[in-house]
Each structure stands twice: as structure tokens, then as C-alpha cells.
Amino acid sequence: MDVELLELTKENYEEEVINSERPVVVDFWGPRCVPCLSLMPEVEKLAAEYGDKIKFCKVNSAKNRRLCIELKVMALPTFLFYKDGQVVDKLTGDEATRENIVAKVQALL
């Protein structure tokens, strides 16, 4: 069963990511980004698998440009990995594969 990822905006980013008790994976995607859309079902499966230990969220870059600029997200897809409110890792573009995401998630645990 896939899990719908929590949709982040500038308004809830700090509360949901920075102040999270659990590690957080944030998926920055765009509605016209083919790699983003093809990865989304895999990320939802990972959210179902690790959801009790790690929070999975997504940011629609088209609707949240200012947030992307603030976080220096310049390419899609981009995944930011947070622990204790800090970015501890990042995957961008071609690096953003299911295998690499799983490896980074394992490192967060």
C-alpha cells in the first residue's frame, strides 16, 4: 500500500521538517519533471515501508519557488535528508534513484 506524502509549503516547512522528532526525507518535484513523476510511486512505497521511523514529505517546486530558492534547490528531482532539523544529505538529478534514496534512508536510521 502506497502512502500519500505530506505536501509541504513555506507555511508548514519549519513545523513539519525542522521541528520533526523523526528524521525527514523531502522530495522536491515538479509537475513537468518526468524523472520526478516516475520516482514518486517508489518514494510513496518507501514512505509506507519506513513511515513509522522516518517522515516523508514532498514540495511542489512550481508552487513553492521561494522555498526552493531559500533551500538552494536548483535542480529536480532533489531529495533533502534531515536529522534533528539539519540537512545531513542530499540527492539531485541523476543521483536520485530508488537505490540511492534507500541507502540515504538507511543512514538516517
PDB file of N, CA and C in Angstrom:
ATOM      1  N   MET A   1       0.844  -1.205   0.000  1.00  0.00           N
ATOM      2  CA  MET A   1       0.000   0.000   0.000  1.00  0.00           C
ATOM      3  C   MET A   1       0.876   1.250   0.000  1.00  0.00           C
ATOM      4  N   ASP A   2       0.634   2.128  -0.936  1.00  0.00           N
ATOM      5  CA  ASP A   2       1.408   3.361  -1.014  1.00  0.00           C
ATOM      6  C   ASP A   2       0.826   4.408  -0.076  1.00  0.00           C
ATOM      7  N   VAL A   3       1.676   5.302   0.351  1.00  0.00           N
ATOM      8  CA  VAL A   3       1.287   6.355   1.281  1.00  0.00           C
ATOM      9  C   VAL A   3       1.354   7.690   0.555  1.00  0.00           C
ATOM     10  N   GLU A   4       0.348   8.515   0.757  1.00  0.00           N
ATOM     11  CA  GLU A   4       0.378   9.870   0.198  1.00  0.00           C
ATOM     12  C   GLU A   4       1.360  10.687   1.030  1.00  0.00           C
ATOM     13  N   LEU A   5       2.314  11.320   0.356  1.00  0.00           N
ATOM     14  CA  LEU A   5       3.309  12.104   1.081  1.00  0.00           C
ATOM     15  C   LEU A   5       2.708  13.422   1.548  1.00  0.00           C
ATOM     16  N   LEU A   6       3.165  13.888   2.695  1.00  0.00           N
ATOM     17  CA  LEU A   6       2.723  15.174   3.226  1.00  0.00           C
ATOM     18  C   LEU A   6       3.220  16.285   2.313  1.00  0.00           C
ATOM     19  N   GLU A   7       2.311  17.134   1.866  1.00  0.00           N
ATOM     20  CA  GLU A   7       2.644  18.254   0.977  1.00  0.00           C
ATOM     21  C   GLU A   7       3.134  19.431   1.816  1.00  0.00           C
ATOM     22  N   LEU A   8       4.358  19.876   1.533  1.00  0.00           N
ATOM     23  CA  LEU A   8       4.939  20.974   2.290  1.00  0.00           C
ATOM     24  C   LEU A   8       4.817  22.295   1.548  1.00  0.00           C
ATOM     25  N   THR A   9       4.709  23.362   2.340  1.00  0.00           N
ATOM     26  CA  THR A   9       4.717  24.729   1.804  1.00  0.00           C
ATOM     27  C   THR A   9       5.632  25.553   2.705  1.00  0.00           C
ATOM     28  N   LYS A  10       5.845  26.798   2.332  1.00  0.00           N
ATOM     29  CA  LYS A  10       6.644  27.699   3.169  1.00  0.00           C
ATOM     30  C   LYS A  10       6.035  27.798   4.575  1.00  0.00           C
ATOM     31  N   GLU A  11       4.702  27.723   4.643  1.00  0.00           N
ATOM     32  CA  GLU A  11       3.988  27.888   5.919  1.00  0.00           C
ATOM     33  C   GLU A  11       4.219  26.730   6.874  1.00  0.00           C
ATOM     34  N   ASN A  12       4.285  25.491   6.384  1.00  0.00           N
ATOM     35  CA  ASN A  12       4.400  24.360   7.319  1.00  0.00           C
ATOM     36  C   ASN A  12       5.778  23.699   7.316  1.00  0.00           C
ATOM     37  N   TYR A  13       6.723  24.217   6.529  1.00  0.00           N
ATOM     38  CA  TYR A  13       8.037  23.567   6.399  1.00  0.00           C
ATOM     39  C   TYR A  13       8.770  23.461   7.732  1.00  0.00           C
ATOM     40  N   GLU A  14       8.845  24.571   8.435  1.00  0.00           N
ATOM     41  CA  GLU A  14       9.586  24.566   9.703  1.00  0.00           C
ATOM     42  C   GLU A  14       8.967  23.592  10.700  1.00  0.00           C
ATOM     43  N   GLU A  15       7.639  23.668  10.835  1.00  0.00           N
ATOM     44  CA  GLU A  15       6.947  22.807  11.793  1.00  0.00           C
ATOM     45  C   GLU A  15       7.123  21.330  11.445  1.00  0.00           C
ATOM     46  N   GLU A  16       6.931  20.971  10.168  1.00  0.00           N
ATOM     47  CA  GLU A  16       6.939  19.562   9.762  1.00  0.00           C
ATOM     48  C   GLU A  16       8.337  18.978   9.578  1.00  0.00           C
ATOM     49  N   VAL A  17       9.311  19.817   9.211  1.00  0.00           N
ATOM     50  CA  VAL A  17      10.651  19.306   8.899  1.00  0.00           C
ATOM     51  C   VAL A  17      11.656  19.663   9.989  1.00  0.00           C
ATOM     52  N   ILE A  18      11.834  20.958  10.225  1.00  0.00           N
ATOM     53  CA  ILE A  18      12.860  21.411  11.166  1.00  0.00           C
ATOM     54  C   ILE A  18      12.537  20.945  12.592  1.00  0.00           C
ATOM     55  N   ASN A  19      11.266  21.001  12.966  1.00  0.00           N
ATOM     56  CA  ASN A  19      10.874  20.635  14.333  1.00  0.00           C
ATOM     57  C   ASN A  19      10.436  19.177  14.476  1.00  0.00           C
ATOM     58  N   SER A  20      10.649  18.374  13.454  1.00  0.00           N
ATOM     59  CA  SER A  20      10.210  16.971  13.495  1.00  0.00           C
ATOM     60  C   SER A  20      11.028  16.165  14.499  1.00  0.00           C
ATOM     61  N   GLU A  21      10.349  15.291  15.218  1.00  0.00           N
ATOM     62  CA  GLU A  21      11.019  14.379  16.151  1.00  0.00           C
ATOM     63  C   GLU A  21      11.784  13.301  15.380  1.00  0.00           C
ATOM     64  N   ARG A  22      11.243  12.933  14.219  1.00  0.00           N
ATOM     65  CA  ARG A  22      11.835  11.866  13.401  1.00  0.00           C
ATOM     66  C   ARG A  22      12.690  12.472  12.290  1.00  0.00           C
ATOM     67  N   PRO A  23      13.610  11.682  11.722  1.00  0.00           N
ATOM     68  CA  PRO A  23      14.294  12.139  10.506  1.00  0.00           C
ATOM     69  C   PRO A  23      13.258  12.376   9.403  1.00  0.00           C
ATOM     70  N   VAL A  24      13.593  13.255   8.459  1.00  0.00           N
ATOM     71  CA  VAL A  24      12.652  13.621   7.398  1.00  0.00           C
ATOM     72  C   VAL A  24      13.336  13.532   6.036  1.00  0.00           C
ATOM     73  N   VAL A  25      12.610  12.976   5.068  1.00  0.00           N
ATOM     74  CA  VAL A  25      13.050  12.977   3.674  1.00  0.00           C
ATOM     75  C   VAL A  25      12.102  13.903   2.923  1.00  0.00           C
ATOM     76  N   VAL A  26      12.664  14.913   2.248  1.00  0.00           N
ATOM     77  CA  VAL A  26      11.839  15.858   1.492  1.00  0.00           C
ATOM     78  C   VAL A  26      12.139  15.684   0.003  1.00  0.00           C
ATOM     79  N   ASP A  27      11.082  15.390  -0.745  1.00  0.00           N
ATOM     80  CA  ASP A  27      11.159  15.180  -2.190  1.00  0.00           C
ATOM     81  C   ASP A  27      10.705  16.461  -2.885  1.00  0.00           C
ATOM     82  N   PHE A  28      11.627  17.144  -3.564  1.00  0.00           N
ATOM     83  CA  PHE A  28      11.284  18.330  -4.359  1.00  0.00           C
ATOM     84  C   PHE A  28      11.013  17.859  -5.777  1.00  0.00           C
ATOM     85  N   TRP A  29       9.818  18.134  -6.247  1.00  0.00           N
ATOM     86  CA  TRP A  29       9.399  17.643  -7.558  1.00  0.00           C
ATOM     87  C   TRP A  29       8.691  18.755  -8.322  1.00  0.00           C
ATOM     88  N   GLY A  30       8.453  18.507  -9.598  1.00  0.00           N
ATOM     89  CA  GLY A  30       7.722  19.462 -10.418  1.00  0.00           C
ATOM     90  C   GLY A  30       6.743  18.738 -11.306  1.00  0.00           C
ATOM     91  N   PRO A  31       5.611  19.370 -11.617  1.00  0.00           N
ATOM     92  CA  PRO A  31       4.569  18.710 -12.409  1.00  0.00           C
ATOM     93  C   PRO A  31       5.012  18.364 -13.835  1.00  0.00           C
ATOM     94  N   ARG A  32       6.083  19.009 -14.331  1.00  0.00           N
ATOM     95  CA  ARG A  32       6.553  18.691 -15.683  1.00  0.00           C
ATOM     96  C   ARG A  32       7.892  17.951 -15.662  1.00  0.00           C
ATOM     97  N   CYS A  33       8.301  17.517 -14.471  1.00  0.00           N
ATOM     98  CA  CYS A  33       9.579  16.795 -14.324  1.00  0.00           C
ATOM     99  C   CYS A  33       9.304  15.293 -14.436  1.00  0.00           C
ATOM    100  N   VAL A  34       9.644  14.718 -15.603  1.00  0.00           N
ATOM    101  CA  VAL A  34       9.364  13.303 -15.846  1.00  0.00           C
ATOM    102  C   VAL A  34      10.064  12.384 -14.844  1.00  0.00           C
ATOM    103  N   PRO A  35      11.370  12.587 -14.566  1.00  0.00           N
ATOM    104  CA  PRO A  35      12.016  11.721 -13.559  1.00  0.00           C
ATOM    105  C   PRO A  35      11.340  11.824 -12.190  1.00  0.00           C
ATOM    106  N   CYS A  36      10.890  13.037 -11.834  1.00  0.00           N
ATOM    107  CA  CYS A  36      10.210  13.233 -10.536  1.00  0.00           C
ATOM    108  C   CYS A  36       8.942  12.378 -10.478  1.00  0.00           C
ATOM    109  N   LEU A  37       8.155  12.465 -11.538  1.00  0.00           N
ATOM    110  CA  LEU A  37       6.867  11.771 -11.557  1.00  0.00           C
ATOM    111  C   LEU A  37       7.056  10.259 -11.600  1.00  0.00           C
ATOM    112  N   SER A  38       8.111   9.793 -12.281  1.00  0.00           N
ATOM    113  CA  SER A  38       8.331   8.348 -12.333  1.00  0.00           C
ATOM    114  C   SER A  38       8.866   7.822 -10.996  1.00  0.00           C
ATOM    115  N   LEU A  39       9.569   8.676 -10.231  1.00  0.00           N
ATOM    116  CA  LEU A  39      10.090   8.265  -8.916  1.00  0.00           C
ATOM    117  C   LEU A  39       9.021   8.288  -7.828  1.00  0.00           C
ATOM    118  N   MET A  40       8.020   9.140  -7.999  1.00  0.00           N
ATOM    119  CA  MET A  40       7.017   9.359  -6.937  1.00  0.00           C
ATOM    120  C   MET A  40       6.407   8.059  -6.393  1.00  0.00           C
ATOM    121  N   PRO A  41       5.974   7.111  -7.243  1.00  0.00           N
ATOM    122  CA  PRO A  41       5.397   5.863  -6.676  1.00  0.00           C
ATOM    123  C   PRO A  41       6.403   5.097  -5.826  1.00  0.00           C
ATOM    124  N   GLU A  42       7.680   5.116  -6.224  1.00  0.00           N
ATOM    125  CA  GLU A  42       8.718   4.438  -5.441  1.00  0.00           C
ATOM    126  C   GLU A  42       8.894   5.112  -4.079  1.00  0.00           C
ATOM    127  N   VAL A  43       8.875   6.440  -4.086  1.00  0.00           N
ATOM    128  CA  VAL A  43       9.031   7.191  -2.835  1.00  0.00           C
ATOM    129  C   VAL A  43       7.837   6.915  -1.918  1.00  0.00           C
ATOM    130  N   GLU A  44       6.643   6.809  -2.504  1.00  0.00           N
ATOM    131  CA  GLU A  44       5.451   6.500  -1.702  1.00  0.00           C
ATOM    132  C   GLU A  44       5.551   5.101  -1.095  1.00  0.00           C
ATOM    133  N   LYS A  45       6.136   4.156  -1.831  1.00  0.00           N
ATOM    134  CA  LYS A  45       6.345   2.808  -1.283  1.00  0.00           C
ATOM    135  C   LYS A  45       7.330   2.863  -0.118  1.00  0.00           C
ATOM    136  N   LEU A  46       8.396   3.658  -0.271  1.00  0.00           N
ATOM    137  CA  LEU A  46       9.370   3.796   0.818  1.00  0.00           C
ATOM    138  C   LEU A  46       8.718   4.439   2.034  1.00  0.00           C
ATOM    139  N   ALA A  47       7.839   5.393   1.792  1.00  0.00           N
ATOM    140  CA  ALA A  47       7.124   6.046   2.900  1.00  0.00           C
ATOM    141  C   ALA A  47       6.280   5.027   3.652  1.00  0.00           C
ATOM    142  N   ALA A  48       5.660   4.113   2.912  1.00  0.00           N
ATOM    143  CA  ALA A  48       4.855   3.062   3.550  1.00  0.00           C
ATOM    144  C   ALA A  48       5.753   2.127   4.357  1.00  0.00           C
ATOM    145  N   GLU A  49       6.936   1.845   3.810  1.00  0.00           N
ATOM    146  CA  GLU A  49       7.864   0.911   4.440  1.00  0.00           C
ATOM    147  C   GLU A  49       8.524   1.494   5.691  1.00  0.00           C
ATOM    148  N   TYR A  50       8.941   2.762   5.619  1.00  0.00           N
ATOM    149  CA  TYR A  50       9.713   3.380   6.709  1.00  0.00           C
ATOM    150  C   TYR A  50       8.920   4.410   7.509  1.00  0.00           C
ATOM    151  N   GLY A  51       7.652   4.561   7.194  1.00  0.00           N
ATOM    152  CA  GLY A  51       6.844   5.640   7.746  1.00  0.00           C
ATOM    153  C   GLY A  51       6.796   5.751   9.258  1.00  0.00           C
ATOM    154  N   ASP A  52       7.007   4.631   9.947  1.00  0.00           N
ATOM    155  CA  ASP A  52       6.972   4.698  11.412  1.00  0.00           C
ATOM    156  C   ASP A  52       8.276   5.271  11.974  1.00  0.00           C
ATOM    157  N   LYS A  53       9.358   5.250  11.173  1.00  0.00           N
ATOM    158  CA  LYS A  53      10.654   5.725  11.659  1.00  0.00           C
ATOM    159  C   LYS A  53      11.085   7.047  11.021  1.00  0.00           C
ATOM    160  N   ILE A  54      10.648   7.265   9.775  1.00  0.00           N
ATOM    161  CA  ILE A  54      11.073   8.445   9.016  1.00  0.00           C
ATOM    162  C   ILE A  54       9.854   9.096   8.374  1.00  0.00           C
ATOM    163  N   LYS A  55       9.818  10.415   8.422  1.00  0.00           N
ATOM    164  CA  LYS A  55       8.719  11.161   7.806  1.00  0.00           C
ATOM    165  C   LYS A  55       9.101  11.491   6.362  1.00  0.00           C
ATOM    166  N   PHE A  56       8.212  11.186   5.442  1.00  0.00           N
ATOM    167  CA  PHE A  56       8.420  11.501   4.022  1.00  0.00           C
ATOM    168  C   PHE A  56       7.487  12.635   3.623  1.00  0.00           C
ATOM    169  N   CYS A  57       8.045  13.666   2.979  1.00  0.00           N
ATOM    170  CA  CYS A  57       7.259  14.822   2.556  1.00  0.00           C
ATOM    171  C   CYS A  57       7.643  15.182   1.131  1.00  0.00           C
ATOM    172  N   LYS A  58       6.807  16.013   0.506  1.00  0.00           N
ATOM    173  CA  LYS A  58       7.142  16.474  -0.844  1.00  0.00           C
ATOM    174  C   LYS A  58       6.848  17.955  -0.975  1.00  0.00           C
ATOM    175  N   VAL A  59       7.588  18.597  -1.892  1.00  0.00           N
ATOM    176  CA  VAL A  59       7.399  20.012  -2.182  1.00  0.00           C
ATOM    177  C   VAL A  59       7.205  20.147  -3.690  1.00  0.00           C
ATOM    178  N   ASN A  60       6.077  20.717  -4.080  1.00  0.00           N
ATOM    179  CA  ASN A  60       5.833  21.024  -5.484  1.00  0.00           C
ATOM    180  C   ASN A  60       6.604  22.305  -5.792  1.00  0.00           C
ATOM    181  N   SER A  61       7.709  22.170  -6.526  1.00  0.00           N
ATOM    182  CA  SER A  61       8.591  23.315  -6.767  1.00  0.00           C
ATOM    183  C   SER A  61       7.893  24.413  -7.562  1.00  0.00           C
ATOM    184  N   ALA A  62       6.935  24.045  -8.410  1.00  0.00           N
ATOM    185  CA  ALA A  62       6.226  25.048  -9.213  1.00  0.00           C
ATOM    186  C   ALA A  62       5.383  25.975  -8.339  1.00  0.00           C
ATOM    187  N   LYS A  63       4.886  25.445  -7.229  1.00  0.00           N
ATOM    188  CA  LYS A  63       4.028  26.237  -6.330  1.00  0.00           C
ATOM    189  C   LYS A  63       4.809  26.855  -5.170  1.00  0.00           C
ATOM    190  N   ASN A  64       6.060  26.446  -5.000  1.00  0.00           N
ATOM    191  CA  ASN A  64       6.843  26.882  -3.832  1.00  0.00           C
ATOM    192  C   ASN A  64       8.231  27.356  -4.244  1.00  0.00           C
ATOM    193  N   ARG A  65       8.278  28.232  -5.245  1.00  0.00           N
ATOM    194  CA  ARG A  65       9.567  28.686  -5.784  1.00  0.00           C
ATOM    195  C   ARG A  65      10.431  29.353  -4.723  1.00  0.00           C
ATOM    196  N   ARG A  66       9.833  30.195  -3.897  1.00  0.00           N
ATOM    197  CA  ARG A  66      10.612  30.921  -2.888  1.00  0.00           C
ATOM    198  C   ARG A  66      11.274  29.950  -1.906  1.00  0.00           C
ATOM    199  N   LEU A  67      10.523  28.936  -1.487  1.00  0.00           N
ATOM    200  CA  LEU A  67      11.064  27.932  -0.573  1.00  0.00           C
ATOM    201  C   LEU A  67      12.237  27.205  -1.236  1.00  0.00           C
ATOM    202  N   CYS A  68      12.096  26.851  -2.499  1.00  0.00           N
ATOM    203  CA  CYS A  68      13.179  26.168  -3.223  1.00  0.00           C
ATOM    204  C   CYS A  68      14.424  27.040  -3.289  1.00  0.00           C
ATOM    205  N   ILE A  69      14.235  28.325  -3.544  1.00  0.00           N
ATOM    206  CA  ILE A  69      15.368  29.251  -3.609  1.00  0.00           C
ATOM    207  C   ILE A  69      16.055  29.338  -2.245  1.00  0.00           C
ATOM    208  N   GLU A  70      15.236  29.484  -1.185  1.00  0.00           N
ATOM    209  CA  GLU A  70      15.796  29.554   0.171  1.00  0.00           C
ATOM    210  C   GLU A  70      16.627  28.324   0.508  1.00  0.00           C
ATOM    211  N   LEU A  71      16.165  27.153   0.057  1.00  0.00           N
ATOM    212  CA  LEU A  71      16.838  25.894   0.377  1.00  0.00           C
ATOM    213  C   LEU A  71      17.893  25.523  -0.674  1.00  0.00           C
ATOM    214  N   LYS A  72      18.097  26.430  -1.638  1.00  0.00           N
ATOM    215  CA  LYS A  72      19.094  26.227  -2.699  1.00  0.00           C
ATOM    216  C   LYS A  72      18.829  24.966  -3.514  1.00  0.00           C
ATOM    217  N   VAL A  73      17.560  24.688  -3.759  1.00  0.00           N
ATOM    218  CA  VAL A  73      17.190  23.572  -4.629  1.00  0.00           C
ATOM    219  C   VAL A  73      17.158  24.113  -6.051  1.00  0.00           C
ATOM    220  N   MET A  74      18.147  23.720  -6.855  1.00  0.00           N
ATOM    221  CA  MET A  74      18.311  24.290  -8.195  1.00  0.00           C
ATOM    222  C   MET A  74      17.952  23.307  -9.300  1.00  0.00           C
ATOM    223  N   ALA A  75      17.826  22.027  -8.973  1.00  0.00           N
ATOM    224  CA  ALA A  75      17.533  21.014  -9.991  1.00  0.00           C
ATOM    225  C   ALA A  75      16.480  20.054  -9.457  1.00  0.00           C
ATOM    226  N   LEU A  76      15.805  19.391 -10.376  1.00  0.00           N
ATOM    227  CA  LEU A  76      14.801  18.399  -9.996  1.00  0.00           C
ATOM    228  C   LEU A  76      15.156  17.068 -10.655  1.00  0.00           C
ATOM    229  N   PRO A  77      14.824  15.968 -10.002  1.00  0.00           N
ATOM    230  CA  PRO A  77      14.357  15.918  -8.612  1.00  0.00           C
ATOM    231  C   PRO A  77      15.501  16.193  -7.633  1.00  0.00           C
ATOM    232  N   THR A  78      15.153  16.707  -6.463  1.00  0.00           N
ATOM    233  CA  THR A  78      16.107  16.861  -5.367  1.00  0.00           C
ATOM    234  C   THR A  78      15.479  16.261  -4.115  1.00  0.00           C
ATOM    235  N   PHE A  79      16.267  15.516  -3.378  1.00  0.00           N
ATOM    236  CA  PHE A  79      15.852  14.967  -2.088  1.00  0.00           C
ATOM    237  C   PHE A  79      16.767  15.523  -1.020  1.00  0.00           C
ATOM    238  N   LEU A  80      16.168  16.103   0.021  1.00  0.00           N
ATOM    239  CA  LEU A  80      16.937  16.551   1.180  1.00  0.00           C
ATOM    240  C   LEU A  80      16.630  15.614   2.337  1.00  0.00           C
ATOM    241  N   PHE A  81      17.675  15.227   3.059  1.00  0.00           N
ATOM    242  CA  PHE A  81      17.548  14.307   4.190  1.00  0.00           C
ATOM    243  C   PHE A  81      17.880  15.073   5.466  1.00  0.00           C
ATOM    244  N   TYR A  82      16.906  15.148   6.369  1.00  0.00           N
ATOM    245  CA  TYR A  82      17.058  15.915   7.610  1.00  0.00           C
ATOM    246  C   TYR A  82      17.148  14.995   8.808  1.00  0.00           C
ATOM    247  N   LYS A  83      18.009  15.392   9.745  1.00  0.00           N
ATOM    248  CA  LYS A  83      18.044  14.746  11.055  1.00  0.00           C
ATOM    249  C   LYS A  83      18.237  15.844  12.078  1.00  0.00           C
ATOM    250  N   ASP A  84      17.407  15.854  13.109  1.00  0.00           N
ATOM    251  CA  ASP A  84      17.461  16.875  14.161  1.00  0.00           C
ATOM    252  C   ASP A  84      17.403  18.290  13.583  1.00  0.00           C
ATOM    253  N   GLY A  85      16.577  18.463  12.552  1.00  0.00           N
ATOM    254  CA  GLY A  85      16.355  19.796  11.990  1.00  0.00           C
ATOM    255  C   GLY A  85      17.425  20.284  11.037  1.00  0.00           C
ATOM    256  N   GLN A  86      18.448  19.461  10.775  1.00  0.00           N
ATOM    257  CA  GLN A  86      19.546  19.854   9.898  1.00  0.00           C
ATOM    258  C   GLN A  86      19.589  18.969   8.652  1.00  0.00           C
ATOM    259  N   VAL A  87      19.961  19.576   7.516  1.00  0.00           N
ATOM    260  CA  VAL A  87      20.174  18.776   6.311  1.00  0.00           C
ATOM    261  C   VAL A  87      21.457  17.982   6.501  1.00  0.00           C
ATOM    262  N   VAL A  88      21.350  16.653   6.415  1.00  0.00           N
ATOM    263  CA  VAL A  88      22.528  15.806   6.585  1.00  0.00           C
ATOM    264  C   VAL A  88      22.955  15.161   5.271  1.00  0.00           C
ATOM    265  N   ASP A  89      22.066  15.200   4.275  1.00  0.00           N
ATOM    266  CA  ASP A  89      22.417  14.617   2.990  1.00  0.00           C
ATOM    267  C   ASP A  89      21.496  15.146   1.908  1.00  0.00           C
ATOM    268  N   LYS A  90      21.892  14.901   0.644  1.00  0.00           N
ATOM    269  CA  LYS A  90      21.143  15.444  -0.492  1.00  0.00           C
ATOM    270  C   LYS A  90      21.384  14.560  -1.711  1.00  0.00           C
ATOM    271  N   LEU A  91      20.338  14.366  -2.496  1.00  0.00           N
ATOM    272  CA  LEU A  91      20.456  13.704  -3.803  1.00  0.00           C
ATOM    273  C   LEU A  91      19.816  14.620  -4.831  1.00  0.00           C
ATOM    274  N   THR A  92      20.463  14.771  -5.995  1.00  0.00           N
ATOM    275  CA  THR A  92      19.940  15.659  -7.023  1.00  0.00           C
ATOM    276  C   THR A  92      20.048  15.008  -8.391  1.00  0.00           C
ATOM    277  N   GLY A  93      19.059  15.267  -9.242  1.00  0.00           N
ATOM    278  CA  GLY A  93      19.109  14.830 -10.636  1.00  0.00           C
ATOM    279  C   GLY A  93      19.278  13.329 -10.776  1.00  0.00           C
ATOM    280  N   ASP A  94      20.298  12.925 -11.556  1.00  0.00           N
ATOM    281  CA  ASP A  94      20.519  11.509 -11.853  1.00  0.00           C
ATOM    282  C   ASP A  94      20.869  10.678 -10.627  1.00  0.00           C
ATOM    283  N   GLU A  95      21.365  11.317  -9.566  1.00  0.00           N
ATOM    284  CA  GLU A  95      21.689  10.579  -8.330  1.00  0.00           C
ATOM    285  C   GLU A  95      20.418  10.089  -7.640  1.00  0.00           C
ATOM    286  N   ALA A  96      19.292  10.739  -7.939  1.00  0.00           N
ATOM    287  CA  ALA A  96      18.041  10.440  -7.236  1.00  0.00           C
ATOM    288  C   ALA A  96      17.399   9.170  -7.803  1.00  0.00           C
ATOM    289  N   THR A  97      17.961   8.028  -7.384  1.00  0.00           N
ATOM    290  CA  THR A  97      17.407   6.730  -7.771  1.00  0.00           C
ATOM    291  C   THR A  97      16.848   6.072  -6.514  1.00  0.00           C
ATOM    292  N   ARG A  98      16.005   5.078  -6.722  1.00  0.00           N
ATOM    293  CA  ARG A  98      15.435   4.364  -5.580  1.00  0.00           C
ATOM    294  C   ARG A  98      16.559   3.799  -4.703  1.00  0.00           C
ATOM    295  N   GLU A  99      17.567   3.212  -5.341  1.00  0.00           N
ATOM    296  CA  GLU A  99      18.671   2.591  -4.601  1.00  0.00           C
ATOM    297  C   GLU A  99      19.382   3.620  -3.730  1.00  0.00           C
ATOM    298  N   ASN A 100      19.686   4.791  -4.303  1.00  0.00           N
ATOM    299  CA  ASN A 100      20.390   5.825  -3.546  1.00  0.00           C
ATOM    300  C   ASN A 100      19.528   6.381  -2.423  1.00  0.00           C
ATOM    301  N   ILE A 101      18.233   6.534  -2.681  1.00  0.00           N
ATOM    302  CA  ILE A 101      17.324   7.033  -1.642  1.00  0.00           C
ATOM    303  C   ILE A 101      17.296   6.035  -0.482  1.00  0.00           C
ATOM    304  N   VAL A 102      17.186   4.744  -0.807  1.00  0.00           N
ATOM    305  CA  VAL A 102      17.172   3.710   0.238  1.00  0.00           C
ATOM    306  C   VAL A 102      18.453   3.766   1.066  1.00  0.00           C
ATOM    307  N   ALA A 103      19.610   3.923   0.392  1.00  0.00           N
ATOM    308  CA  ALA A 103      20.888   3.980   1.107  1.00  0.00           C
ATOM    309  C   ALA A 103      20.916   5.170   2.066  1.00  0.00           C
ATOM    310  N   LYS A 104      20.427   6.323   1.628  1.00  0.00           N
ATOM    311  CA  LYS A 104      20.422   7.521   2.486  1.00  0.00           C
ATOM    312  C   LYS A 104      19.431   7.351   3.645  1.00  0.00           C
ATOM    313  N   VAL A 105      18.298   6.716   3.352  1.00  0.00           N
ATOM    314  CA  VAL A 105      17.293   6.473   4.400  1.00  0.00           C
ATOM    315  C   VAL A 105      17.888   5.550   5.468  1.00  0.00           C
ATOM    316  N   GLN A 106      18.576   4.499   5.020  1.00  0.00           N
ATOM    317  CA  GLN A 106      19.217   3.574   5.972  1.00  0.00           C
ATOM    318  C   GLN A 106      20.213   4.318   6.861  1.00  0.00           C
ATOM    319  N   ALA A 107      20.939   5.274   6.258  1.00  0.00           N
ATOM    320  CA  ALA A 107      21.932   6.045   7.012  1.00  0.00           C
ATOM    321  C   ALA A 107      21.281   6.938   8.065  1.00  0.00           C
ATOM    322  N   LEU A 108      20.027   7.332   7.824  1.00  0.00           N
ATOM    323  CA  LEU A 108      19.321   8.177   8.797  1.00  0.00           C
ATOM    324  C   LEU A 108      18.903   7.396  10.036  1.00  0.00           C
ATOM    325  N   LEU A 109      18.734   6.101   9.876  1.00  0.00           N
ATOM    326  CA  LEU A 109      18.192   5.270  10.986  1.00  0.00           C
ATOM    327  C   LEU A 109      19.244   4.954  12.035  1.00  0.00           C
TER     328      LEU A 109
END
